[in-house]
Amino acid sequence: MKCGLVKSVRVRKGHTIPGKPKENIYAVVEFLHPNSVPRSLRVASKKKAIIDGLRVRIYRAGTKSMMFIRPKRRV
């Protein structure tokens, strides 16, 4: 099932925990279009979120990348 066009992916590893076979791996995916977020959540709700044979969990973290622009000083 298609979710949309991906703009960027950032992958991070969690700490190893004694007694667990693997550490947690987190991927933050940024989509080009806002409509892709509900589509990815629909995939998660149908339990079809599988990447490379591994079952993954999908969460919604936000809808927009924020950029800070410093206001100009008035003289």
PDB file of N, CA and C in Angstrom:
ATOM      1  N   MET A   1       0.847  -1.173   0.000  1.00  0.00           N
ATOM      2  CA  MET A   1       0.000   0.000   0.000  1.00  0.00           C
ATOM      3  C   MET A   1       0.895   1.240   0.000  1.00  0.00           C
ATOM      4  N   LYS A   2       0.618   2.191  -0.849  1.00  0.00           N
ATOM      5  CA  LYS A   2       1.431   3.390  -0.978  1.00  0.00           C
ATOM      6  C   LYS A   2       1.001   4.441   0.036  1.00  0.00           C
ATOM      7  N   CYS A   3       1.992   5.143   0.584  1.00  0.00           N
ATOM      8  CA  CYS A   3       1.716   6.195   1.559  1.00  0.00           C
ATOM      9  C   CYS A   3       1.958   7.583   1.000  1.00  0.00           C
ATOM     10  N   GLY A   4       2.917   7.733   0.116  1.00  0.00           N
ATOM     11  CA  GLY A   4       3.218   9.047  -0.432  1.00  0.00           C
ATOM     12  C   GLY A   4       4.686   9.172  -0.746  1.00  0.00           C
ATOM     13  N   LEU A   5       5.076  10.359  -1.179  1.00  0.00           N
ATOM     14  CA  LEU A   5       6.472  10.621  -1.510  1.00  0.00           C
ATOM     15  C   LEU A   5       7.238  11.026  -0.259  1.00  0.00           C
ATOM     16  N   VAL A   6       8.386  10.401  -0.060  1.00  0.00           N
ATOM     17  CA  VAL A   6       9.200  10.650   1.128  1.00  0.00           C
ATOM     18  C   VAL A   6      10.203  11.754   0.831  1.00  0.00           C
ATOM     19  N   LYS A   7      10.280  12.734   1.733  1.00  0.00           N
ATOM     20  CA  LYS A   7      11.233  13.832   1.587  1.00  0.00           C
ATOM     21  C   LYS A   7      12.567  13.479   2.245  1.00  0.00           C
ATOM     22  N   SER A   8      12.521  12.958   3.474  1.00  0.00           N
ATOM     23  CA  SER A   8      13.751  12.575   4.155  1.00  0.00           C
ATOM     24  C   SER A   8      13.459  11.490   5.191  1.00  0.00           C
ATOM     25  N   VAL A   9      14.504  10.728   5.526  1.00  0.00           N
ATOM     26  CA  VAL A   9      14.414   9.683   6.548  1.00  0.00           C
ATOM     27  C   VAL A   9      15.630   9.824   7.458  1.00  0.00           C
ATOM     28  N   ARG A  10      15.378   9.871   8.775  1.00  0.00           N
ATOM     29  CA  ARG A  10      16.462   9.907   9.753  1.00  0.00           C
ATOM     30  C   ARG A  10      16.332   8.673  10.627  1.00  0.00           C
ATOM     31  N   VAL A  11      17.413   7.908  10.757  1.00  0.00           N
ATOM     32  CA  VAL A  11      17.391   6.651  11.518  1.00  0.00           C
ATOM     33  C   VAL A  11      18.264   6.813  12.753  1.00  0.00           C
ATOM     34  N   ARG A  12      17.746   6.386  13.902  1.00  0.00           N
ATOM     35  CA  ARG A  12      18.476   6.424  15.170  1.00  0.00           C
ATOM     36  C   ARG A  12      18.347   5.077  15.860  1.00  0.00           C
ATOM     37  N   LYS A  13      19.390   4.686  16.599  1.00  0.00           N
ATOM     38  CA  LYS A  13      19.358   3.448  17.393  1.00  0.00           C
ATOM     39  C   LYS A  13      19.213   3.791  18.853  1.00  0.00           C
ATOM     40  N   GLY A  14      18.420   2.991  19.560  1.00  0.00           N
ATOM     41  CA  GLY A  14      18.267   3.161  20.991  1.00  0.00           C
ATOM     42  C   GLY A  14      19.359   2.417  21.742  1.00  0.00           C
ATOM     43  N   HIS A  15      19.375   2.546  23.047  1.00  0.00           N
ATOM     44  CA  HIS A  15      20.359   1.861  23.880  1.00  0.00           C
ATOM     45  C   HIS A  15      20.044   0.373  23.939  1.00  0.00           C
ATOM     46  N   THR A  16      21.076  -0.440  24.089  1.00  0.00           N
ATOM     47  CA  THR A  16      20.852  -1.883  24.266  1.00  0.00           C
ATOM     48  C   THR A  16      20.359  -2.120  25.686  1.00  0.00           C
ATOM     49  N   ILE A  17      19.384  -2.991  25.813  1.00  0.00           N
ATOM     50  CA  ILE A  17      18.780  -3.302  27.104  1.00  0.00           C
ATOM     51  C   ILE A  17      19.095  -4.762  27.417  1.00  0.00           C
ATOM     52  N   PRO A  18      19.629  -5.035  28.609  1.00  0.00           N
ATOM     53  CA  PRO A  18      19.925  -6.424  28.952  1.00  0.00           C
ATOM     54  C   PRO A  18      18.660  -7.277  28.946  1.00  0.00           C
ATOM     55  N   GLY A  19      18.748  -8.445  28.332  1.00  0.00           N
ATOM     56  CA  GLY A  19      17.612  -9.355  28.270  1.00  0.00           C
ATOM     57  C   GLY A  19      16.794  -9.228  26.998  1.00  0.00           C
ATOM     58  N   LYS A  20      17.031  -8.190  26.199  1.00  0.00           N
ATOM     59  CA  LYS A  20      16.327  -8.025  24.924  1.00  0.00           C
ATOM     60  C   LYS A  20      17.267  -8.433  23.792  1.00  0.00           C
ATOM     61  N   PRO A  21      16.753  -9.115  22.783  1.00  0.00           N
ATOM     62  CA  PRO A  21      17.625  -9.596  21.716  1.00  0.00           C
ATOM     63  C   PRO A  21      18.183  -8.480  20.824  1.00  0.00           C
ATOM     64  N   LYS A  22      17.441  -7.386  20.626  1.00  0.00           N
ATOM     65  CA  LYS A  22      17.878  -6.300  19.741  1.00  0.00           C
ATOM     66  C   LYS A  22      17.592  -4.956  20.390  1.00  0.00           C
ATOM     67  N   GLU A  23      18.343  -3.952  19.948  1.00  0.00           N
ATOM     68  CA  GLU A  23      18.045  -2.594  20.401  1.00  0.00           C
ATOM     69  C   GLU A  23      16.926  -2.020  19.535  1.00  0.00           C
ATOM     70  N   ASN A  24      16.259  -1.019  20.044  1.00  0.00           N
ATOM     71  CA  ASN A  24      15.196  -0.371  19.268  1.00  0.00           C
ATOM     72  C   ASN A  24      15.813   0.531  18.214  1.00  0.00           C
ATOM     73  N   ILE A  25      15.233   0.513  17.032  1.00  0.00           N
ATOM     74  CA  ILE A  25      15.664   1.380  15.945  1.00  0.00           C
ATOM     75  C   ILE A  25      14.485   2.267  15.569  1.00  0.00           C
ATOM     76  N   TYR A  26      14.737   3.570  15.523  1.00  0.00           N
ATOM     77  CA  TYR A  26      13.692   4.536  15.233  1.00  0.00           C
ATOM     78  C   TYR A  26      13.992   5.217  13.905  1.00  0.00           C
ATOM     79  N   ALA A  27      12.976   5.390  13.080  1.00  0.00           N
ATOM     80  CA  ALA A  27      13.117   6.118  11.825  1.00  0.00           C
ATOM     81  C   ALA A  27      12.075   7.232  11.798  1.00  0.00           C
ATOM     82  N   VAL A  28      12.532   8.441  11.558  1.00  0.00           N
ATOM     83  CA  VAL A  28      11.641   9.581  11.424  1.00  0.00           C
ATOM     84  C   VAL A  28      11.542   9.881   9.938  1.00  0.00           C
ATOM     85  N   VAL A  29      10.327   9.767   9.409  1.00  0.00           N
ATOM     86  CA  VAL A  29      10.095   9.952   7.979  1.00  0.00           C
ATOM     87  C   VAL A  29       9.347  11.257   7.772  1.00  0.00           C
ATOM     88  N   GLU A  30       9.868  12.074   6.863  1.00  0.00           N
ATOM     89  CA  GLU A  30       9.210  13.335   6.528  1.00  0.00           C
ATOM     90  C   GLU A  30       8.653  13.206   5.112  1.00  0.00           C
ATOM     91  N   PHE A  31       7.351  13.449   4.983  1.00  0.00           N
ATOM     92  CA  PHE A  31       6.687  13.335   3.688  1.00  0.00           C
ATOM     93  C   PHE A  31       6.613  14.696   3.000  1.00  0.00           C
ATOM     94  N   LEU A  32       6.486  14.674   1.676  1.00  0.00           N
ATOM     95  CA  LEU A  32       6.362  15.919   0.909  1.00  0.00           C
ATOM     96  C   LEU A  32       4.972  16.534   1.028  1.00  0.00           C
ATOM     97  N   HIS A  33       3.947  15.702   1.143  1.00  0.00           N
ATOM     98  CA  HIS A  33       2.576  16.215   1.172  1.00  0.00           C
ATOM     99  C   HIS A  33       1.910  15.861   2.495  1.00  0.00           C
ATOM    100  N   PRO A  34       1.156  16.773   3.109  1.00  0.00           N
ATOM    101  CA  PRO A  34       0.499  16.494   4.391  1.00  0.00           C
ATOM    102  C   PRO A  34      -0.502  15.339   4.349  1.00  0.00           C
ATOM    103  N   ASN A  35      -1.068  15.033   3.170  1.00  0.00           N
ATOM    104  CA  ASN A  35      -2.037  13.935   3.071  1.00  0.00           C
ATOM    105  C   ASN A  35      -1.382  12.568   3.252  1.00  0.00           C
ATOM    106  N   SER A  36      -0.066  12.501   3.179  1.00  0.00           N
ATOM    107  CA  SER A  36       0.631  11.230   3.330  1.00  0.00           C
ATOM    108  C   SER A  36       0.603  10.723   4.771  1.00  0.00           C
ATOM    109  N   VAL A  37       0.477  11.636   5.727  1.00  0.00           N
ATOM    110  CA  VAL A  37       0.468  11.235   7.141  1.00  0.00           C
ATOM    111  C   VAL A  37      -0.755  10.384   7.469  1.00  0.00           C
ATOM    112  N   PRO A  38      -1.989  10.815   7.132  1.00  0.00           N
ATOM    113  CA  PRO A  38      -3.136   9.942   7.407  1.00  0.00           C
ATOM    114  C   PRO A  38      -3.078   8.621   6.644  1.00  0.00           C
ATOM    115  N   ARG A  39      -2.485   8.639   5.454  1.00  0.00           N
ATOM    116  CA  ARG A  39      -2.365   7.394   4.691  1.00  0.00           C
ATOM    117  C   ARG A  39      -1.445   6.410   5.418  1.00  0.00           C
ATOM    118  N   SER A  40      -0.332   6.896   5.981  1.00  0.00           N
ATOM    119  CA  SER A  40       0.570   5.998   6.707  1.00  0.00           C
ATOM    120  C   SER A  40      -0.099   5.477   7.983  1.00  0.00           C
ATOM    121  N   LEU A  41      -0.919   6.305   8.631  1.00  0.00           N
ATOM    122  CA  LEU A  41      -1.642   5.846   9.820  1.00  0.00           C
ATOM    123  C   LEU A  41      -2.694   4.805   9.459  1.00  0.00           C
ATOM    124  N   ARG A  42      -3.269   4.902   8.270  1.00  0.00           N
ATOM    125  CA  ARG A  42      -4.233   3.897   7.810  1.00  0.00           C
ATOM    126  C   ARG A  42      -3.535   2.556   7.600  1.00  0.00           C
ATOM    127  N   VAL A  43      -2.316   2.587   7.069  1.00  0.00           N
ATOM    128  CA  VAL A  43      -1.526   1.362   6.907  1.00  0.00           C
ATOM    129  C   VAL A  43      -1.255   0.743   8.277  1.00  0.00           C
ATOM    130  N   ALA A  44      -0.921   1.580   9.253  1.00  0.00           N
ATOM    131  CA  ALA A  44      -0.630   1.087  10.607  1.00  0.00           C
ATOM    132  C   ALA A  44      -1.869   0.474  11.247  1.00  0.00           C
ATOM    133  N   SER A  45      -3.032   1.073  11.029  1.00  0.00           N
ATOM    134  CA  SER A  45      -4.243   0.559  11.659  1.00  0.00           C
ATOM    135  C   SER A  45      -4.667  -0.794  11.088  1.00  0.00           C
ATOM    136  N   LYS A  46      -4.277  -1.076   9.848  1.00  0.00           N
ATOM    137  CA  LYS A  46      -4.612  -2.364   9.237  1.00  0.00           C
ATOM    138  C   LYS A  46      -3.536  -3.418   9.464  1.00  0.00           C
ATOM    139  N   LYS A  47      -2.522  -3.080  10.278  1.00  0.00           N
ATOM    140  CA  LYS A  47      -1.422  -3.986  10.639  1.00  0.00           C
ATOM    141  C   LYS A  47      -0.668  -4.479   9.402  1.00  0.00           C
ATOM    142  N   LYS A  48      -0.499  -3.598   8.421  1.00  0.00           N
ATOM    143  CA  LYS A  48       0.241  -3.931   7.205  1.00  0.00           C
ATOM    144  C   LYS A  48       1.582  -3.211   7.155  1.00  0.00           C
ATOM    145  N   ALA A  49       2.026  -2.671   8.276  1.00  0.00           N
ATOM    146  CA  ALA A  49       3.286  -1.935   8.318  1.00  0.00           C
ATOM    147  C   ALA A  49       4.432  -2.920   8.501  1.00  0.00           C
ATOM    148  N   ILE A  50       4.982  -3.382   7.402  1.00  0.00           N
ATOM    149  CA  ILE A  50       6.091  -4.328   7.414  1.00  0.00           C
ATOM    150  C   ILE A  50       7.171  -3.792   6.489  1.00  0.00           C
ATOM    151  N   ILE A  51       8.381  -3.653   7.004  1.00  0.00           N
ATOM    152  CA  ILE A  51       9.515  -3.172   6.221  1.00  0.00           C
ATOM    153  C   ILE A  51      10.609  -4.218   6.293  1.00  0.00           C
ATOM    154  N   ASP A  52      11.010  -4.722   5.150  1.00  0.00           N
ATOM    155  CA  ASP A  52      12.084  -5.709   5.043  1.00  0.00           C
ATOM    156  C   ASP A  52      11.790  -6.940   5.901  1.00  0.00           C
ATOM    157  N   GLY A  53      10.532  -7.343   5.953  1.00  0.00           N
ATOM    158  CA  GLY A  53      10.142  -8.537   6.684  1.00  0.00           C
ATOM    159  C   GLY A  53       9.951  -8.335   8.179  1.00  0.00           C
ATOM    160  N   LEU A  54      10.216  -7.127   8.684  1.00  0.00           N
ATOM    161  CA  LEU A  54      10.037  -6.831  10.105  1.00  0.00           C
ATOM    162  C   LEU A  54       8.779  -6.007  10.313  1.00  0.00           C
ATOM    163  N   ARG A  55       8.024  -6.364  11.327  1.00  0.00           N
ATOM    164  CA  ARG A  55       6.826  -5.615  11.673  1.00  0.00           C
ATOM    165  C   ARG A  55       7.252  -4.319  12.368  1.00  0.00           C
ATOM    166  N   VAL A  56       6.699  -3.196  11.934  1.00  0.00           N
ATOM    167  CA  VAL A  56       7.055  -1.901  12.512  1.00  0.00           C
ATOM    168  C   VAL A  56       5.807  -1.214  13.046  1.00  0.00           C
ATOM    169  N   ARG A  57       6.026  -0.260  13.939  1.00  0.00           N
ATOM    170  CA  ARG A  57       4.937   0.548  14.477  1.00  0.00           C
ATOM    171  C   ARG A  57       5.059   1.956  13.908  1.00  0.00           C
ATOM    172  N   ILE A  58       3.933   2.549  13.573  1.00  0.00           N
ATOM    173  CA  ILE A  58       3.913   3.886  12.983  1.00  0.00           C
ATOM    174  C   ILE A  58       3.185   4.820  13.939  1.00  0.00           C
ATOM    175  N   TYR A  59       3.804   5.973  14.203  1.00  0.00           N
ATOM    176  CA  TYR A  59       3.207   6.995  15.048  1.00  0.00           C
ATOM    177  C   TYR A  59       3.224   8.313  14.287  1.00  0.00           C
ATOM    178  N   ARG A  60       2.305   9.155  14.623  1.00  0.00           N
ATOM    179  CA  ARG A  60       2.293  10.493  14.039  1.00  0.00           C
ATOM    180  C   ARG A  60       3.003  11.424  15.008  1.00  0.00           C
ATOM    181  N   ALA A  61       4.036  12.085  14.529  1.00  0.00           N
ATOM    182  CA  ALA A  61       4.816  12.956  15.405  1.00  0.00           C
ATOM    183  C   ALA A  61       4.535  14.431  15.150  1.00  0.00           C
ATOM    184  N   GLY A  62       4.129  14.788  13.959  1.00  0.00           N
ATOM    185  CA  GLY A  62       3.886  16.187  13.643  1.00  0.00           C
ATOM    186  C   GLY A  62       3.465  16.319  12.199  1.00  0.00           C
ATOM    187  N   THR A  63       3.095  17.515  11.832  1.00  0.00           N
ATOM    188  CA  THR A  63       2.619  17.720  10.479  1.00  0.00           C
ATOM    189  C   THR A  63       3.490  18.662   9.673  1.00  0.00           C
ATOM    190  N   LYS A  64       4.398  19.380  10.330  1.00  0.00           N
ATOM    191  CA  LYS A  64       5.170  20.383   9.613  1.00  0.00           C
ATOM    192  C   LYS A  64       6.565  20.504  10.188  1.00  0.00           C
ATOM    193  N   SER A  65       7.535  20.745   9.334  1.00  0.00           N
ATOM    194  CA  SER A  65       8.869  21.087   9.807  1.00  0.00           C
ATOM    195  C   SER A  65       8.867  22.565  10.142  1.00  0.00           C
ATOM    196  N   MET A  66       9.446  22.890  11.260  1.00  0.00           N
ATOM    197  CA  MET A  66       9.456  24.288  11.667  1.00  0.00           C
ATOM    198  C   MET A  66      10.836  24.880  11.407  1.00  0.00           C
ATOM    199  N   MET A  67      10.845  26.081  10.899  1.00  0.00           N
ATOM    200  CA  MET A  67      12.087  26.812  10.691  1.00  0.00           C
ATOM    201  C   MET A  67      11.998  28.106  11.486  1.00  0.00           C
ATOM    202  N   PHE A  68      13.074  28.417  12.208  1.00  0.00           N
ATOM    203  CA  PHE A  68      13.093  29.645  12.986  1.00  0.00           C
ATOM    204  C   PHE A  68      13.754  30.730  12.152  1.00  0.00           C
ATOM    205  N   ILE A  69      13.050  31.818  11.937  1.00  0.00           N
ATOM    206  CA  ILE A  69      13.602  32.959  11.216  1.00  0.00           C
ATOM    207  C   ILE A  69      13.647  34.121  12.199  1.00  0.00           C
ATOM    208  N   ARG A  70      14.852  34.631  12.413  1.00  0.00           N
ATOM    209  CA  ARG A  70      15.031  35.713  13.360  1.00  0.00           C
ATOM    210  C   ARG A  70      14.410  36.992  12.797  1.00  0.00           C
ATOM    211  N   PRO A  71      13.578  37.677  13.590  1.00  0.00           N
ATOM    212  CA  PRO A  71      12.978  38.920  13.092  1.00  0.00           C
ATOM    213  C   PRO A  71      14.040  39.998  12.909  1.00  0.00           C
ATOM    214  N   LYS A  72      13.793  40.883  11.952  1.00  0.00           N
ATOM    215  CA  LYS A  72      14.729  41.992  11.714  1.00  0.00           C
ATOM    216  C   LYS A  72      14.598  43.030  12.817  1.00  0.00           C
ATOM    217  N   ARG A  73      15.735  43.590  13.167  1.00  0.00           N
ATOM    218  CA  ARG A  73      15.745  44.635  14.198  1.00  0.00           C
ATOM    219  C   ARG A  73      15.322  45.960  13.610  1.00  0.00           C
ATOM    220  N   ARG A  74      14.518  46.659  14.360  1.00  0.00           N
ATOM    221  CA  ARG A  74      14.152  48.011  13.940  1.00  0.00           C
ATOM    222  C   ARG A  74      15.144  48.985  14.532  1.00  0.00           C
ATOM    223  N   VAL A  75      15.537  49.948  13.743  1.00  0.00           N
ATOM    224  CA  VAL A  75      16.519  50.920  14.229  1.00  0.00           C
ATOM    225  C   VAL A  75      15.857  52.219  14.527  1.00  0.00           C
TER     226      VAL A  75
END
